[in-house]
Amino acid sequence: MATKKKTNEDSLDTVEALTTTDSMDQGYGSADHADGADEGGAPFQLSVQIGRPDLTRWLRNIAPENLALEVERTLAIGTQVVTLMRASSGQEAMDEMFAPVLDKMETVKELLDRLVTASDKSQRKGELGERLVMSQLTHAFPNDTFEQTGTQAAQADIHATLALPDDKLETALVEVKLYTNSVPTKEIEKFRRDLIKQEKRFGLFVSLTSSIPNMTGLFDIEETADYTAIYIPNAGGDGWGVIRGIMLLRSMMILRVQQRSVRLYDARALERSWERIGEELRLFEGTLTTLKDLQNTLFDSRTAVMRSLDEVAWKVRSAEGDLSRSLANLQSLITEEFQRLPSAGVPTLPAFLSPDASRTAFVLLAEKNTKLSDVYHRVLTELEARSLAVSLRDENTLEVWLGSDLMVSVATTTAKSPRVDIQLFPGKRRISFVPSDISGIKNGVLTMQFGPPGKSDMAERETQLAVFADLLDQLTSPQ
């Protein structure tokens, strides 16, 4: 009910702001009228294609019957802001108008200088880091609870209670460090002991300004039988590193509740998942940047009238709404990526390519290695004739599947002279004979090698490909 009430209040504020804008437009007159344009305001038909992701999301969220009105109002507000920003006013008048704001900003600057000077000691630096992170977390995650407990023994710096689906709650310890040099190993060991002593399954260790020993990349995950800990080195003071840690932590909590068991993850697979959601991350960080720029505009733009400040504040509120939606989308995307990650020790099938994507993968390899293009095209033809599924292990390796059984691997070597190695995996399937064209057999895996022209003539190449097709027939036929 509290959330619904707040939403209604925001809606009333928005309507009031738009109503105020309309009334002020009537008082000031339009920019076209000031330039001598048609005072009658004849309607203008506008048809444009919008490509910016943030604008397309905003437009899709507007009800169709309100689309024209909302776009017109937003254009009007933007035009007014640009016009007012260009308006000139006497320097003396502007200084007088902004004197109270500038005086307060100077007071804040002096206060910050004194705080920095007084925070040279490690303990005071730690307290500043904790307060900074507390402020960032409570602002970014209003539905979660964060309690500062740094003064209590074996309690970590912050206790976090995160909201999960189905009204479930999960607690975690959050440790914040603000060191000039790398975090001492003894601090990491203390954090681990705190997790065990407090019997907390989840923990987040954040180093704001320095590295963490033996940990590289965006984050590092440590899982034991007693706890799951996420480490964020060089998180920075803008809050993004801390927010990333909480979202990763929440996703692992959700998966553990769903599976009711501990699930171990490959750190490299997690890094690849994070790269796949990089576009959404960039949009999210772009929203953060936009929000900061708009907030700074409230203090730095010396416009001649207070009306421009009201309009910028309205845009800040709109940007904060975009930020909340982006954060929710990002949390959902991270959880989906985690659900697709393979579990350690549990076999999972790869994501099979569609027929068009499979064909494109072979064509790209053929274009990349033109001297071997005939091999790629022939292999593709044989696979399509048998309707076999294809997955992409990496940029140089394709795998062919019959149901849940891996049948063939097509790999391009990275040597100076490129070569295509085709491996066939009979498994428990019987092969009536093994031709002499097979390059090698090891651990039940048959290997065929195809080099560029010059090492074998086209007749020998055709014989090899015919042998491959025959072996493929034997592997895929019912037994």
Protein backbone atom coordinates (compact mmCIF):
# COMPACT_ATOMS: atom_id res chain seq x y z
CA MET A 1 0.00 0.00 0.00
CA ALA A 2 2.86 2.37 0.79
CA THR A 3 4.34 1.84 -2.68
CA LYS A 4 1.00 2.49 -4.36
CA LYS A 5 0.52 5.66 -2.35
CA LYS A 6 3.94 6.96 -3.32
CA THR A 7 3.24 6.20 -6.98
CA ASN A 8 -0.01 8.15 -6.80
CA GLU A 9 1.78 11.07 -5.17
CA ASP A 10 4.39 11.05 -7.93
CA SER A 11 1.63 11.02 -10.53
CA LEU A 12 -0.06 14.03 -8.85
CA ASP A 13 3.28 15.88 -8.75
CA THR A 14 3.80 15.15 -12.44
CA VAL A 15 0.32 16.36 -13.39
CA GLU A 16 0.82 19.47 -11.27
CA ALA A 17 4.18 20.16 -12.91
CA LEU A 18 2.70 19.76 -16.41
CA THR A 19 -0.27 21.95 -15.48
CA THR A 20 2.11 24.60 -14.16
CA THR A 21 4.09 24.40 -17.40
CA ASP A 22 0.94 24.88 -19.48
CA SER A 23 -0.15 27.88 -17.42
CA MET A 24 3.30 29.44 -17.60
CA ASP A 25 3.35 28.87 -21.38
CA GLN A 26 0.18 30.94 -21.58
CA GLY A 27 1.83 33.72 -19.59
CA TYR A 28 5.15 33.82 -21.41
CA GLY A 29 4.04 32.91 -24.90
CA SER A 30 5.69 30.36 -27.20
CA ALA A 31 9.15 30.65 -28.73
CA ASP A 32 7.63 30.72 -32.24
CA HIS A 33 5.40 33.62 -31.29
CA ALA A 34 8.38 35.55 -29.97
CA ASP A 35 10.14 35.10 -33.32
CA GLY A 36 7.14 36.32 -35.24
CA ALA A 37 5.73 32.94 -36.34
CA ASP A 38 2.03 32.24 -36.87
CA GLU A 39 0.28 33.23 -33.64
CA GLY A 40 -2.65 30.94 -34.47
CA GLY A 41 -0.59 27.82 -33.63
CA ALA A 42 -1.66 25.70 -36.62
CA PRO A 43 -1.13 21.93 -35.95
CA PHE A 44 2.11 20.42 -37.26
CA GLN A 45 2.22 16.75 -38.33
CA LEU A 46 5.45 15.09 -37.09
CA SER A 47 6.64 11.62 -38.19
CA VAL A 48 10.13 10.58 -37.12
CA GLN A 49 11.93 7.34 -36.23
CA ILE A 50 13.40 7.21 -32.71
CA GLY A 51 16.49 5.04 -32.22
CA ARG A 52 17.82 5.91 -28.76
CA PRO A 53 17.05 2.96 -26.39
CA ASP A 54 16.13 5.16 -23.42
CA LEU A 55 13.63 7.14 -25.54
CA THR A 56 12.11 4.04 -27.14
CA ARG A 57 11.52 2.48 -23.70
CA TRP A 58 9.88 5.70 -22.50
CA LEU A 59 7.63 5.89 -25.59
CA ARG A 60 6.56 2.23 -25.30
CA ASN A 61 5.51 2.77 -21.68
CA ILE A 62 3.02 5.52 -22.69
CA ALA A 63 -0.56 4.47 -23.39
CA PRO A 64 -1.35 4.90 -27.15
CA GLU A 65 -4.19 7.31 -26.44
CA ASN A 66 -1.80 9.57 -24.44
CA LEU A 67 1.21 9.32 -26.77
CA ALA A 68 0.63 12.52 -28.77
CA LEU A 69 -0.07 14.61 -25.64
CA GLU A 70 2.98 13.30 -23.71
CA VAL A 71 5.37 13.80 -26.66
CA GLU A 72 4.02 17.31 -27.29
CA ARG A 73 4.41 18.26 -23.63
CA THR A 74 7.93 16.87 -23.44
CA LEU A 75 8.95 18.76 -26.61
CA ALA A 76 7.45 21.92 -25.16
CA ILE A 77 9.41 21.52 -21.93
CA GLY A 78 12.63 20.85 -23.82
CA THR A 79 12.10 23.88 -26.05
CA GLN A 80 11.47 26.09 -23.01
CA VAL A 81 14.64 24.82 -21.29
CA VAL A 82 16.80 25.48 -24.37
CA THR A 83 15.25 28.92 -24.83
CA LEU A 84 15.77 29.86 -21.19
CA MET A 85 19.33 28.52 -21.17
CA ARG A 86 20.10 30.80 -24.14
CA ALA A 87 18.48 33.81 -22.53
CA SER A 88 21.02 36.35 -21.33
CA SER A 89 20.82 38.22 -18.07
CA GLY A 90 23.02 40.65 -16.28
CA GLN A 91 25.93 39.07 -14.43
CA GLU A 92 25.12 41.05 -11.34
CA ALA A 93 21.51 39.85 -11.31
CA MET A 94 22.55 36.23 -11.76
CA ASP A 95 25.15 36.47 -9.01
CA GLU A 96 22.55 37.89 -6.67
CA MET A 97 20.04 35.15 -7.56
CA PHE A 98 22.49 32.29 -7.01
CA ALA A 99 24.39 33.79 -4.08
CA PRO A 100 22.55 31.64 -1.46
CA VAL A 101 23.20 28.46 -3.46
CA LEU A 102 26.85 29.27 -4.09
CA ASP A 103 27.43 30.21 -0.45
CA LYS A 104 26.00 26.86 0.67
CA MET A 105 28.11 25.00 -1.89
CA GLU A 106 31.23 26.76 -0.62
CA THR A 107 30.28 25.82 2.96
CA VAL A 108 29.86 22.18 1.88
CA LYS A 109 33.25 22.26 0.14
CA GLU A 110 34.96 23.57 3.27
CA LEU A 111 33.22 20.90 5.34
CA LEU A 112 34.39 18.17 2.96
CA ASP A 113 37.94 19.51 3.07
CA ARG A 114 37.89 19.30 6.87
CA LEU A 115 36.44 15.80 6.74
CA VAL A 116 39.15 14.61 4.36
CA THR A 117 41.85 16.17 6.53
CA ALA A 118 40.37 14.61 9.67
CA SER A 119 40.03 11.17 8.07
CA ASP A 120 43.72 10.33 7.63
CA LYS A 121 43.52 7.56 10.20
CA SER A 122 42.49 4.14 8.91
CA GLN A 123 39.51 3.82 11.26
CA ARG A 124 38.06 7.18 10.19
CA LYS A 125 38.57 6.30 6.54
CA GLY A 126 36.71 3.06 7.12
CA GLU A 127 33.80 4.91 8.72
CA LEU A 128 33.60 7.27 5.76
CA GLY A 129 33.57 4.31 3.37
CA GLU A 130 30.81 2.60 5.33
CA ARG A 131 28.64 5.73 5.37
CA LEU A 132 29.20 6.26 1.64
CA VAL A 133 28.20 2.68 0.81
CA MET A 134 25.21 2.81 3.18
CA SER A 135 23.93 5.91 1.40
CA GLN A 136 24.43 4.35 -2.06
CA LEU A 137 22.73 1.07 -1.13
CA THR A 138 19.70 2.58 0.60
CA HIS A 139 19.16 4.90 -2.37
CA ALA A 140 19.60 2.18 -5.05
CA PHE A 141 17.62 -0.58 -3.24
CA PRO A 142 14.72 1.04 -1.31
CA ASN A 143 12.96 -2.32 -0.85
CA ASP A 144 15.93 -3.84 1.01
CA THR A 145 17.22 -3.14 4.53
CA PHE A 146 20.80 -2.16 5.39
CA GLU A 147 22.07 -1.77 8.97
CA GLN A 148 25.49 -0.33 9.81
CA THR A 149 27.14 -2.64 12.40
CA GLY A 150 30.84 -1.83 11.98
CA THR A 151 31.30 -0.95 15.67
CA GLN A 152 30.24 -4.43 16.83
CA ALA A 153 32.75 -7.28 17.08
CA ALA A 154 32.65 -10.03 14.39
CA GLN A 155 29.69 -8.36 12.71
CA ALA A 156 31.23 -6.97 9.47
CA ASP A 157 30.41 -3.37 8.56
CA ILE A 158 26.85 -3.71 7.23
CA HIS A 159 24.06 -6.26 7.65
CA ALA A 160 21.98 -6.50 4.47
CA THR A 161 18.50 -8.04 4.28
CA LEU A 162 17.55 -8.53 0.63
CA ALA A 163 14.03 -9.09 -0.69
CA LEU A 164 13.60 -12.18 -2.87
CA PRO A 165 10.59 -13.40 -4.90
CA ASP A 166 7.55 -14.78 -3.06
CA ASP A 167 8.13 -12.39 -0.13
CA LYS A 168 11.24 -14.26 0.97
CA LEU A 169 14.14 -12.50 2.75
CA GLU A 170 17.83 -13.43 2.90
CA THR A 171 20.56 -11.81 5.00
CA ALA A 172 24.21 -11.17 4.14
CA LEU A 173 27.28 -9.52 5.63
CA VAL A 174 28.81 -6.57 3.74
CA GLU A 175 32.40 -5.55 4.46
CA VAL A 176 33.68 -2.18 3.14
CA LYS A 177 37.37 -1.28 2.89
CA LEU A 178 38.96 2.07 2.03
CA TYR A 179 42.72 1.46 1.69
CA THR A 180 45.38 3.30 -0.28
CA ASN A 181 47.25 0.06 -0.98
CA SER A 182 46.02 -3.49 -1.55
CA VAL A 183 43.70 -4.86 1.16
CA PRO A 184 45.71 -6.81 3.78
CA THR A 185 45.18 -10.57 3.68
CA LYS A 186 44.31 -10.59 7.40
CA GLU A 187 41.20 -8.48 6.65
CA ILE A 188 39.96 -11.06 4.14
CA GLU A 189 40.56 -13.88 6.62
CA LYS A 190 38.64 -11.94 9.30
CA PHE A 191 35.72 -11.52 6.88
CA ARG A 192 35.63 -15.27 6.26
CA ARG A 193 35.70 -15.98 10.01
CA ASP A 194 32.84 -13.51 10.56
CA LEU A 195 30.71 -15.34 7.95
CA ILE A 196 31.29 -18.66 9.67
CA LYS A 197 30.83 -17.30 13.21
CA GLN A 198 27.59 -15.50 12.30
CA GLU A 199 26.42 -18.53 10.27
CA LYS A 200 25.75 -16.35 7.25
CA ARG A 201 25.56 -18.15 3.94
CA PHE A 202 26.24 -15.00 1.86
CA GLY A 203 28.76 -12.17 2.10
CA LEU A 204 29.99 -9.19 0.02
CA PHE A 205 33.52 -7.80 0.41
CA VAL A 206 34.01 -4.38 -1.27
CA SER A 207 37.33 -2.54 -1.67
CA LEU A 208 36.51 1.00 -2.81
CA THR A 209 39.95 2.33 -3.79
CA SER A 210 42.39 -0.58 -3.97
CA SER A 211 42.88 -4.14 -5.18
CA ILE A 212 42.26 -7.40 -3.33
CA PRO A 213 45.14 -9.93 -3.22
CA ASN A 214 44.98 -12.69 -5.85
CA MET A 215 41.74 -11.30 -7.33
CA THR A 216 41.40 -9.70 -10.77
CA GLY A 217 38.58 -8.69 -13.06
CA LEU A 218 35.24 -7.12 -12.21
CA PHE A 219 34.54 -9.51 -9.35
CA ASP A 220 35.55 -12.81 -7.78
CA ILE A 221 33.30 -15.48 -6.25
CA GLU A 222 34.38 -17.83 -3.46
CA GLU A 223 32.14 -20.76 -2.56
CA THR A 224 32.70 -23.23 0.26
CA ALA A 225 30.49 -25.60 2.18
CA ASP A 226 29.96 -22.84 4.76
CA TYR A 227 29.50 -19.64 2.75
CA THR A 228 29.32 -17.91 -0.62
CA ALA A 229 31.35 -14.67 -0.82
CA ILE A 230 31.59 -12.10 -3.61
CA TYR A 231 34.65 -9.82 -3.76
CA ILE A 232 34.63 -6.49 -5.65
CA PRO A 233 38.12 -4.93 -6.03
CA ASN A 234 38.56 -1.26 -7.03
CA ALA A 235 34.80 -0.67 -6.75
CA GLY A 236 35.16 3.13 -6.92
CA GLY A 237 33.22 5.78 -5.08
CA ASP A 238 30.39 6.27 -7.60
CA GLY A 239 28.40 3.35 -6.17
CA TRP A 240 28.30 1.26 -9.33
CA GLY A 241 30.71 -1.40 -8.03
CA VAL A 242 28.72 -1.81 -4.81
CA ILE A 243 25.41 -1.98 -6.71
CA ARG A 244 26.86 -4.65 -9.00
CA GLY A 245 27.89 -6.72 -5.97
CA ILE A 246 24.41 -6.60 -4.40
CA MET A 247 22.75 -7.61 -7.68
CA LEU A 248 25.11 -10.58 -8.10
CA LEU A 249 24.49 -11.57 -4.47
CA ARG A 250 20.70 -11.39 -4.88
CA SER A 251 20.81 -13.51 -8.05
CA MET A 252 22.78 -16.26 -6.28
CA MET A 253 20.32 -16.14 -3.36
CA ILE A 254 17.37 -16.54 -5.75
CA LEU A 255 18.95 -19.52 -7.48
CA ARG A 256 19.81 -21.20 -4.17
CA VAL A 257 16.19 -20.81 -2.98
CA GLN A 258 14.90 -22.25 -6.24
CA GLN A 259 17.28 -25.22 -6.23
CA ARG A 260 17.36 -25.72 -2.45
CA SER A 261 21.00 -26.71 -2.69
CA VAL A 262 24.44 -25.17 -3.03
CA ARG A 263 25.35 -24.61 -6.67
CA LEU A 264 28.95 -23.95 -7.66
CA TYR A 265 29.75 -21.76 -10.66
CA ASP A 266 32.73 -21.49 -12.97
CA ALA A 267 34.19 -18.00 -12.50
CA ARG A 268 35.06 -17.77 -16.19
CA ALA A 269 31.50 -18.63 -17.15
CA LEU A 270 30.30 -15.85 -14.83
CA GLU A 271 32.66 -13.39 -16.54
CA ARG A 272 31.26 -14.38 -19.95
CA SER A 273 27.71 -13.93 -18.66
CA TRP A 274 28.62 -10.48 -17.42
CA GLU A 275 29.99 -9.61 -20.87
CA ARG A 276 26.73 -10.75 -22.50
CA ILE A 277 24.75 -8.26 -20.45
CA GLY A 278 27.27 -5.53 -21.17
CA GLU A 279 24.81 -3.62 -23.38
CA GLU A 280 22.25 -3.38 -20.57
CA LEU A 281 25.05 -2.38 -18.21
CA ARG A 282 26.09 0.41 -20.57
CA LEU A 283 22.49 1.64 -20.74
CA PHE A 284 22.27 1.50 -16.96
CA GLU A 285 25.52 3.44 -16.51
CA GLY A 286 24.30 5.90 -19.15
CA THR A 287 21.17 6.46 -17.08
CA LEU A 288 23.34 7.05 -14.02
CA THR A 289 25.45 9.57 -15.95
CA THR A 290 22.35 11.35 -17.21
CA LEU A 291 20.95 11.54 -13.69
CA LYS A 292 24.19 12.97 -12.32
CA ASP A 293 24.42 15.53 -15.13
CA LEU A 294 20.85 16.67 -14.53
CA GLN A 295 21.42 16.93 -10.78
CA ASN A 296 24.58 18.98 -11.36
CA THR A 297 22.61 21.22 -13.72
CA LEU A 298 20.41 22.22 -10.80
CA PHE A 299 23.44 23.85 -9.14
CA ASP A 300 25.69 24.82 -12.06
CA SER A 301 23.29 26.29 -14.64
CA ARG A 302 23.03 30.05 -14.05
CA THR A 303 19.79 30.69 -15.86
CA ALA A 304 17.89 33.92 -15.51
CA VAL A 305 14.65 32.51 -14.11
CA MET A 306 13.72 29.93 -11.47
CA ARG A 307 11.29 28.31 -13.87
CA SER A 308 14.16 26.51 -15.65
CA LEU A 309 15.22 24.93 -12.34
CA ASP A 310 11.71 23.52 -11.86
CA GLU A 311 11.79 22.00 -15.34
CA VAL A 312 15.23 20.45 -14.81
CA ALA A 313 14.04 19.03 -11.47
CA TRP A 314 11.08 17.47 -13.29
CA LYS A 315 13.52 15.84 -15.73
CA VAL A 316 15.59 14.56 -12.80
CA ARG A 317 12.48 12.87 -11.39
CA SER A 318 11.82 11.31 -14.81
CA ALA A 319 15.45 10.13 -15.00
CA GLU A 320 15.16 8.58 -11.53
CA GLY A 321 12.14 6.63 -12.77
CA ASP A 322 14.18 5.42 -15.75
CA LEU A 323 16.96 4.45 -13.35
CA SER A 324 14.59 2.35 -11.23
CA ARG A 325 13.21 0.56 -14.29
CA SER A 326 16.71 -0.01 -15.68
CA LEU A 327 17.86 -1.40 -12.33
CA ALA A 328 14.91 -3.81 -12.22
CA ASN A 329 15.55 -4.94 -15.81
CA LEU A 330 19.23 -5.43 -15.07
CA GLN A 331 18.47 -7.49 -11.94
CA SER A 332 16.12 -9.70 -13.97
CA LEU A 333 18.68 -10.10 -16.74
CA ILE A 334 21.44 -11.10 -14.31
CA THR A 335 19.16 -13.72 -12.72
CA GLU A 336 18.30 -15.15 -16.15
CA GLU A 337 22.00 -15.35 -17.05
CA PHE A 338 22.73 -17.18 -13.79
CA GLN A 339 19.95 -19.67 -14.56
CA ARG A 340 21.62 -20.49 -17.88
CA LEU A 341 25.04 -21.10 -16.31
CA PRO A 342 26.20 -24.74 -16.21
CA SER A 343 26.53 -26.30 -12.76
CA ALA A 344 29.85 -27.85 -11.79
CA GLY A 345 29.67 -31.61 -12.25
CA VAL A 346 26.19 -31.53 -13.82
CA PRO A 347 26.19 -32.12 -17.62
CA THR A 348 24.13 -29.59 -19.55
CA LEU A 349 23.49 -29.27 -23.26
CA PRO A 350 24.79 -26.19 -25.07
CA ALA A 351 22.56 -23.69 -26.82
CA PHE A 352 22.05 -25.06 -30.33
CA LEU A 353 22.28 -22.69 -33.28
CA SER A 354 19.33 -22.20 -35.57
CA PRO A 355 19.80 -23.51 -39.15
CA ASP A 356 20.50 -19.98 -40.41
CA ALA A 357 22.92 -19.23 -37.58
CA SER A 358 24.67 -22.58 -38.13
CA ARG A 359 25.06 -21.83 -41.83
CA THR A 360 26.40 -18.36 -41.04
CA ALA A 361 28.98 -19.80 -38.62
CA PHE A 362 30.36 -22.15 -41.29
CA VAL A 363 30.39 -19.38 -43.92
CA LEU A 364 32.33 -17.05 -41.60
CA LEU A 365 34.93 -19.76 -40.96
CA ALA A 366 35.21 -20.38 -44.70
CA GLU A 367 35.71 -16.67 -45.39
CA LYS A 368 38.28 -16.47 -42.59
CA ASN A 369 40.25 -19.48 -43.94
CA THR A 370 39.74 -19.31 -47.70
CA LYS A 371 42.21 -22.14 -48.44
CA LEU A 372 39.98 -24.50 -46.44
CA SER A 373 36.62 -23.19 -47.65
CA ASP A 374 35.82 -26.38 -49.59
CA VAL A 375 36.09 -28.42 -46.37
CA TYR A 376 33.70 -26.13 -44.46
CA HIS A 377 31.12 -26.11 -47.27
CA ARG A 378 31.23 -29.91 -47.67
CA VAL A 379 30.90 -30.52 -43.91
CA LEU A 380 27.96 -28.07 -43.77
CA THR A 381 26.26 -29.89 -46.65
CA GLU A 382 26.61 -33.28 -44.92
CA LEU A 383 25.28 -31.93 -41.60
CA GLU A 384 22.27 -30.22 -43.18
CA ALA A 385 21.44 -33.39 -45.13
CA ARG A 386 21.12 -35.24 -41.81
CA SER A 387 19.46 -32.37 -39.87
CA LEU A 388 22.09 -32.48 -37.14
CA ALA A 389 22.17 -29.78 -34.44
CA VAL A 390 25.20 -27.46 -34.23
CA SER A 391 26.58 -25.48 -31.28
CA LEU A 392 29.44 -22.96 -31.10
CA ARG A 393 32.10 -23.77 -28.50
CA ASP A 394 34.30 -20.78 -29.47
CA GLU A 395 35.09 -18.71 -32.56
CA ASN A 396 37.16 -21.53 -34.11
CA THR A 397 35.30 -24.66 -32.95
CA LEU A 398 31.87 -26.03 -33.91
CA GLU A 399 30.26 -29.10 -32.32
CA VAL A 400 27.66 -31.39 -33.91
CA TRP A 401 25.03 -33.20 -31.83
CA LEU A 402 22.62 -36.07 -32.31
CA GLY A 403 20.09 -35.54 -29.56
CA SER A 404 22.14 -35.23 -26.35
CA ASP A 405 25.18 -37.05 -27.80
CA LEU A 406 28.20 -35.14 -29.12
CA MET A 407 29.01 -36.67 -32.51
CA VAL A 408 31.52 -34.41 -34.29
CA SER A 409 33.89 -31.54 -33.47
CA VAL A 410 35.10 -29.23 -36.28
CA ALA A 411 38.09 -27.16 -35.10
CA THR A 412 40.41 -24.78 -36.94
CA THR A 413 43.98 -24.77 -35.63
CA THR A 414 45.72 -21.44 -35.02
CA ALA A 415 49.09 -22.47 -36.42
CA LYS A 416 50.86 -20.48 -39.15
CA SER A 417 49.41 -22.90 -41.69
CA PRO A 418 45.70 -23.29 -40.83
CA ARG A 419 44.28 -26.82 -40.64
CA VAL A 420 40.81 -28.24 -40.02
CA ASP A 421 40.72 -31.07 -37.49
CA ILE A 422 37.50 -33.11 -37.53
CA GLN A 423 36.99 -35.41 -34.54
CA LEU A 424 34.27 -38.07 -34.49
CA PHE A 425 32.98 -39.47 -31.18
CA PRO A 426 31.46 -42.94 -31.72
CA GLY A 427 30.81 -43.49 -28.01
CA LYS A 428 28.95 -46.80 -27.71
CA ARG A 429 27.98 -46.79 -31.39
CA ARG A 430 29.59 -49.42 -33.59
CA ILE A 431 31.56 -48.60 -36.72
CA SER A 432 31.82 -51.42 -39.28
CA PHE A 433 35.32 -50.41 -40.44
CA VAL A 434 37.94 -47.70 -39.87
CA PRO A 435 39.34 -46.35 -43.17
CA SER A 436 43.04 -45.68 -43.65
CA ASP A 437 42.30 -41.98 -44.19
CA ILE A 438 41.83 -41.54 -40.44
CA SER A 439 44.72 -39.46 -39.10
CA GLY A 440 44.60 -40.96 -35.65
CA ILE A 441 42.54 -42.83 -33.04
CA LYS A 442 42.94 -42.04 -29.35
CA ASN A 443 40.64 -42.92 -26.46
CA GLY A 444 38.00 -44.02 -28.94
CA VAL A 445 38.01 -40.64 -30.78
CA LEU A 446 38.65 -40.66 -34.55
CA THR A 447 40.54 -37.67 -35.97
CA MET A 448 40.70 -36.50 -39.60
CA GLN A 449 42.98 -33.63 -40.64
CA PHE A 450 42.48 -31.40 -43.68
CA GLY A 451 45.28 -29.11 -44.75
CA PRO A 452 45.35 -26.37 -47.41
CA PRO A 453 45.99 -27.28 -51.09
CA GLY A 454 49.56 -28.28 -51.69
CA LYS A 455 49.72 -30.92 -49.00
CA SER A 456 47.22 -33.13 -50.79
CA ASP A 457 45.67 -32.94 -54.25
CA MET A 458 41.95 -32.50 -54.88
CA ALA A 459 41.41 -36.20 -55.56
CA GLU A 460 42.77 -37.14 -52.16
CA ARG A 461 40.73 -34.33 -50.60
CA GLU A 462 37.53 -35.69 -52.17
CA THR A 463 38.37 -39.19 -50.93
CA GLN A 464 38.83 -37.87 -47.38
CA LEU A 465 35.50 -36.03 -47.51
CA ALA A 466 33.75 -39.14 -48.82
CA VAL A 467 35.19 -41.12 -45.90
CA PHE A 468 33.89 -38.44 -43.50
CA ALA A 469 30.41 -38.67 -45.04
CA ASP A 470 30.44 -42.48 -44.73
CA LEU A 471 31.51 -42.34 -41.07
CA LEU A 472 28.78 -39.78 -40.40
CA ASP A 473 26.24 -42.17 -41.92
CA GLN A 474 27.42 -44.95 -39.63
CA LEU A 475 27.25 -42.74 -36.52
CA THR A 476 23.78 -41.37 -37.24
CA SER A 477 22.08 -44.52 -38.47
CA PRO A 478 19.86 -46.46 -36.02
CA GLN A 479 21.69 -49.31 -34.27
